[in-house]
N, C-alpha and C. Protein backbone atom coordinates (compact mmCIF):
# COMPACT_ATOMS: atom_id res chain seq x y z
N GLY A 1 122.62 85.48 95.25
CA GLY A 1 123.99 85.91 94.68
C GLY A 1 124.87 85.72 96.23
N ALA A 2 125.63 86.58 96.06
CA ALA A 2 126.99 86.65 97.38
C ALA A 2 127.70 87.83 96.77
N THR A 3 128.37 88.36 97.42
CA THR A 3 129.50 88.73 97.93
C THR A 3 130.84 88.65 98.21
N LEU A 4 131.64 88.17 97.79
CA LEU A 4 132.77 87.07 98.06
C LEU A 4 134.42 88.07 97.48
N GLU A 5 135.17 87.63 98.68
CA GLU A 5 136.69 88.45 98.60
C GLU A 5 137.28 87.48 97.70
N VAL A 6 138.51 87.72 96.63
CA VAL A 6 139.43 87.01 96.22
C VAL A 6 140.22 88.05 96.43
N GLU A 7 141.74 87.59 95.67
CA GLU A 7 143.34 88.39 95.87
C GLU A 7 143.26 88.42 94.64
N GLY A 8 143.51 90.05 94.61
CA GLY A 8 143.36 91.29 93.40
C GLY A 8 145.12 91.12 93.17
N LEU A 9 145.57 91.87 92.02
CA LEU A 9 147.33 91.90 92.31
C LEU A 9 147.74 92.81 93.25
N GLU A 10 146.64 93.42 94.33
CA GLU A 10 146.90 94.89 94.44
C GLU A 10 146.32 94.59 96.39
N GLY A 11 145.94 93.36 96.36
CA GLY A 11 145.44 93.43 97.80
C GLY A 11 144.07 92.53 97.35
N PRO A 12 143.38 92.03 98.65
CA PRO A 12 141.88 91.51 98.18
C PRO A 12 140.86 92.76 97.45
N VAL A 13 139.85 91.82 96.54
CA VAL A 13 138.90 92.68 96.01
C VAL A 13 137.57 91.72 96.32
N ALA A 14 136.71 92.68 96.53
CA ALA A 14 135.58 92.19 96.60
C ALA A 14 134.14 91.56 94.89
N VAL A 15 134.17 90.67 95.30
CA VAL A 15 133.31 90.16 93.78
C VAL A 15 132.11 90.26 94.41
N LYS A 16 130.65 90.48 93.50
CA LYS A 16 129.15 90.93 93.54
C LYS A 16 129.04 89.53 92.34
N VAL A 17 128.96 88.29 93.19
CA VAL A 17 128.47 86.93 92.19
C VAL A 17 126.83 86.91 92.25
N PRO A 18 126.05 86.96 91.06
CA PRO A 18 124.85 87.28 90.59
C PRO A 18 124.01 85.64 91.31
N ALA A 19 123.39 85.45 91.66
CA ALA A 19 122.61 84.55 91.92
C ALA A 19 121.95 83.81 91.12
N ALA A 20 122.71 82.36 90.79
CA ALA A 20 122.37 81.32 89.87
C ALA A 20 122.98 81.51 88.52
N THR A 21 125.04 81.91 89.62
CA THR A 21 125.88 81.60 88.86
C THR A 21 126.53 80.11 88.54
N GLN A 22 126.80 79.54 87.43
CA GLN A 22 127.09 78.53 86.95
C GLN A 22 128.77 77.93 87.50
N PRO A 23 128.68 77.45 87.52
CA PRO A 23 130.08 76.51 87.58
C PRO A 23 131.41 77.10 86.20
N GLY A 24 131.92 77.70 86.49
CA GLY A 24 132.98 77.59 85.03
C GLY A 24 132.43 79.32 84.28
N GLU A 25 131.79 80.17 85.25
CA GLU A 25 131.55 81.38 84.09
C GLU A 25 132.32 81.95 85.03
N ILE A 26 132.60 83.12 84.07
CA ILE A 26 134.03 84.35 84.22
C ILE A 26 133.17 85.62 84.32
N ILE A 27 133.66 85.74 85.66
CA ILE A 27 133.40 87.59 85.74
C ILE A 27 134.41 88.40 85.68
N GLU A 28 134.41 89.43 85.02
CA GLU A 28 135.23 90.47 84.70
C GLU A 28 135.01 91.27 85.37
N LEU A 29 136.32 92.06 86.00
CA LEU A 29 136.29 93.50 86.69
C LEU A 29 137.41 94.21 86.03
N ASP A 30 136.84 95.40 85.21
CA ASP A 30 136.77 95.90 84.50
C ASP A 30 138.44 96.99 85.93
N ARG A 31 140.01 96.98 84.96
CA ARG A 31 141.05 97.86 85.56
C ARG A 31 142.09 97.40 87.04
N LEU A 32 141.41 95.89 86.81
CA LEU A 32 141.99 95.31 88.14
C LEU A 32 143.10 94.16 87.52
N GLY A 33 143.25 94.07 86.40
CA GLY A 33 144.07 93.15 85.75
C GLY A 33 145.16 93.64 85.67
N MET A 34 146.01 92.98 84.74
CA MET A 34 147.50 93.31 84.36
C MET A 34 147.73 94.81 83.62
N PRO A 35 148.64 95.42 84.41
CA PRO A 35 149.17 96.81 83.15
C PRO A 35 149.59 96.37 81.86
N GLN A 36 148.78 97.42 81.07
CA GLN A 36 149.66 96.99 79.78
C GLN A 36 150.79 97.34 79.79
N LEU A 37 151.84 96.60 78.96
CA LEU A 37 153.36 96.83 78.66
C LEU A 37 153.60 98.01 78.17
N ARG A 38 153.05 99.05 77.61
CA ARG A 38 153.81 100.28 76.51
C ARG A 38 153.08 101.48 77.77
N ARG A 39 151.95 100.74 78.16
CA ARG A 39 151.01 101.76 78.88
C ARG A 39 151.06 101.40 80.56
N PRO A 40 151.64 101.22 81.52
CA PRO A 40 151.15 100.83 82.29
C PRO A 40 150.31 101.73 83.22
N GLU A 41 149.81 102.88 82.98
CA GLU A 41 148.62 103.27 83.76
C GLU A 41 147.25 102.36 82.97
N ARG A 42 147.37 101.71 82.09
CA ARG A 42 146.40 101.51 81.43
C ARG A 42 146.35 99.97 82.21
N ARG A 43 144.92 99.47 82.64
CA ARG A 43 144.95 97.87 83.01
C ARG A 43 144.33 97.36 82.56
N GLY A 44 144.23 95.97 82.34
CA GLY A 44 143.18 95.13 81.79
C GLY A 44 142.40 94.33 82.88
N ALA A 45 141.19 93.44 82.08
CA ALA A 45 140.39 93.06 83.23
C ALA A 45 141.25 92.10 84.01
N LEU A 46 140.52 92.09 85.32
CA LEU A 46 140.82 90.54 86.39
C LEU A 46 139.91 89.30 86.23
N ARG A 47 140.09 88.64 85.88
CA ARG A 47 138.93 87.33 85.44
C ARG A 47 139.01 87.08 86.69
N VAL A 48 137.45 86.43 87.05
CA VAL A 48 137.31 85.43 88.13
C VAL A 48 136.73 84.75 87.40
N VAL A 49 136.80 82.90 87.69
CA VAL A 49 136.34 81.75 87.13
C VAL A 49 135.85 81.09 88.54
N ILE A 50 134.34 80.73 88.45
CA ILE A 50 133.39 80.55 89.16
C ILE A 50 134.47 78.89 89.60
N ASN A 51 134.25 78.80 90.70
CA ASN A 51 134.36 77.18 90.75
C ASN A 51 134.01 76.97 92.19
N VAL A 52 132.88 75.68 91.49
CA VAL A 52 132.06 75.09 92.93
C VAL A 52 132.80 73.80 93.74
N VAL A 53 132.57 73.93 94.70
CA VAL A 53 133.41 72.51 96.05
C VAL A 53 132.57 71.44 96.10
N ILE A 54 132.23 70.58 95.97
CA ILE A 54 131.43 69.66 96.57
C ILE A 54 132.23 69.06 97.79
N PRO A 55 131.53 68.86 98.71
CA PRO A 55 131.95 68.54 100.21
C PRO A 55 131.95 66.73 99.74
N ARG A 56 133.14 66.58 100.23
CA ARG A 56 133.50 64.33 100.43
C ARG A 56 132.49 64.33 101.41
N ARG A 57 132.17 64.30 102.83
CA ARG A 57 131.96 64.38 103.71
C ARG A 57 130.21 65.14 104.20
N LEU A 58 129.28 64.44 104.28
CA LEU A 58 128.42 65.22 105.22
C LEU A 58 127.90 65.15 106.43
N THR A 59 127.09 65.92 107.29
CA THR A 59 127.03 65.20 108.61
C THR A 59 125.23 64.82 108.34
N ASP A 60 124.36 63.63 108.83
CA ASP A 60 123.07 63.27 108.55
C ASP A 60 122.22 64.90 108.58
N GLU A 61 122.34 65.96 109.28
CA GLU A 61 121.69 66.80 109.45
C GLU A 61 122.22 67.57 108.04
N GLN A 62 123.54 67.79 107.31
CA GLN A 62 123.67 68.60 106.28
C GLN A 62 123.24 67.35 105.09
N ARG A 63 123.14 65.92 105.07
CA ARG A 63 122.66 65.01 104.41
C ARG A 63 121.05 65.55 104.08
N SER A 64 120.16 65.31 105.09
CA SER A 64 118.91 65.68 105.24
C SER A 64 118.59 67.42 104.43
N LEU A 65 119.34 68.33 104.98
CA LEU A 65 119.21 69.41 104.40
C LEU A 65 119.04 69.47 102.81
N ASN A 66 120.08 68.08 102.44
CA ASN A 66 120.53 68.22 100.86
C ASN A 66 119.62 68.02 99.99
N GLN A 67 118.88 66.83 100.74
CA GLN A 67 117.55 66.39 100.54
C GLN A 67 116.57 66.89 100.36
N GLN A 68 116.01 67.68 101.72
CA GLN A 68 114.93 68.47 100.80
C GLN A 68 114.90 69.82 100.15
N LEU A 69 116.43 70.04 100.17
CA LEU A 69 116.60 71.00 98.68
C LEU A 69 116.29 70.15 97.55
N ALA A 70 116.67 69.12 97.79
CA ALA A 70 116.71 68.66 96.05
C ALA A 70 115.07 68.05 95.99
N ASP A 71 114.45 67.95 96.76
CA ASP A 71 113.52 67.83 96.42
C ASP A 71 112.18 68.65 96.29
N SER A 72 112.55 69.70 96.46
CA SER A 72 112.01 70.68 96.22
C SER A 72 112.24 71.69 95.16
N LEU A 73 113.36 71.40 94.38
CA LEU A 73 113.88 71.67 93.11
C LEU A 73 112.51 71.09 91.78
N THR A 74 112.25 72.01 90.65
CA THR A 74 111.49 72.23 90.04
C THR A 74 112.19 72.10 88.88
N ASP A 75 111.52 71.41 87.54
CA ASP A 75 112.20 71.75 86.04
C ASP A 75 112.41 73.66 86.11
N GLU A 76 111.53 74.43 87.01
CA GLU A 76 112.05 75.98 86.55
C GLU A 76 113.10 76.44 87.74
N ASN A 77 113.63 75.37 88.30
CA ASN A 77 114.53 75.80 88.98
C ASN A 77 115.67 75.70 88.44
N LEU A 78 116.05 74.73 87.83
CA LEU A 78 117.18 74.08 86.95
C LEU A 78 117.35 75.14 85.62
N ALA A 79 118.70 75.19 85.61
CA ALA A 79 119.04 75.75 83.98
C ALA A 79 118.98 74.93 83.02
N ALA A 80 118.46 75.51 81.83
CA ALA A 80 118.85 74.86 80.62
C ALA A 80 120.55 74.25 80.64
N PRO A 81 120.24 72.83 79.94
CA PRO A 81 121.83 73.13 79.36
C PRO A 81 122.22 73.80 78.37
N GLU A 82 123.61 74.45 78.58
CA GLU A 82 124.23 75.25 77.80
C GLU A 82 124.39 74.42 76.27
N GLY A 83 124.12 74.75 75.32
CA GLY A 83 124.32 74.31 74.01
C GLY A 83 125.91 74.65 73.60
N LEU A 84 126.43 73.91 72.39
CA LEU A 84 127.57 74.12 72.30
C LEU A 84 127.78 75.65 71.34
N GLY A 85 127.07 75.99 70.57
CA GLY A 85 127.07 77.50 70.14
C GLY A 85 126.93 78.66 70.93
N ALA A 86 126.65 78.23 71.91
CA ALA A 86 126.15 79.07 73.12
C ALA A 86 127.78 78.95 74.11
N LYS A 87 128.16 77.81 74.12
CA LYS A 87 129.25 77.90 74.92
C LYS A 87 130.33 78.00 73.69
N LEU A 88 130.57 78.00 72.64
CA LEU A 88 131.57 78.53 71.79
C LEU A 88 131.69 80.27 71.75
N ARG A 89 130.52 81.00 71.80
CA ARG A 89 130.26 82.28 71.83
C ARG A 89 130.71 82.70 73.12
N ARG A 90 130.56 82.03 74.58
CA ARG A 90 131.23 81.92 75.98
C ARG A 90 132.69 82.38 75.82
N LEU A 91 133.44 81.52 75.45
CA LEU A 91 134.24 80.83 75.45
C LEU A 91 135.18 81.99 74.25
N LEU A 92 135.47 82.03 73.12
CA LEU A 92 135.29 82.93 72.19
C LEU A 92 135.16 84.39 72.43
N SER A 93 134.27 85.24 73.78
CA SER A 93 133.91 85.96 74.10
C SER A 93 134.87 86.56 75.12
N SER A 94 135.31 85.49 76.36
CA SER A 94 136.22 85.44 77.06
C SER A 94 138.04 85.55 77.06
N SER A 95 138.01 85.30 75.67
CA SER A 95 139.57 85.29 75.52
C SER A 95 139.98 86.79 74.78
N ARG A 96 139.29 87.41 74.89
CA ARG A 96 139.17 88.76 73.84
C ARG A 96 140.01 90.04 75.16
């Protein structure tokens, strides 16, 4: 995992990203989102969508390190693909 800084509504916000977080996952930060229209003292959640950027060019050393990582991975390291039901539950729960 890691702690990353993202831009919130009122400045930078630290976000703890758990280990094995996958692209497209959403991390919600309670009470850091938009104020409610009729109750501005109450705020919604700030949603952070995890986006992984793949480099277009690698040095020979980076390519070698990447290959070492790939060679060391086993089935236990790799997450099982998310099924349709799990995707729907995740999407529906994040739209609330």
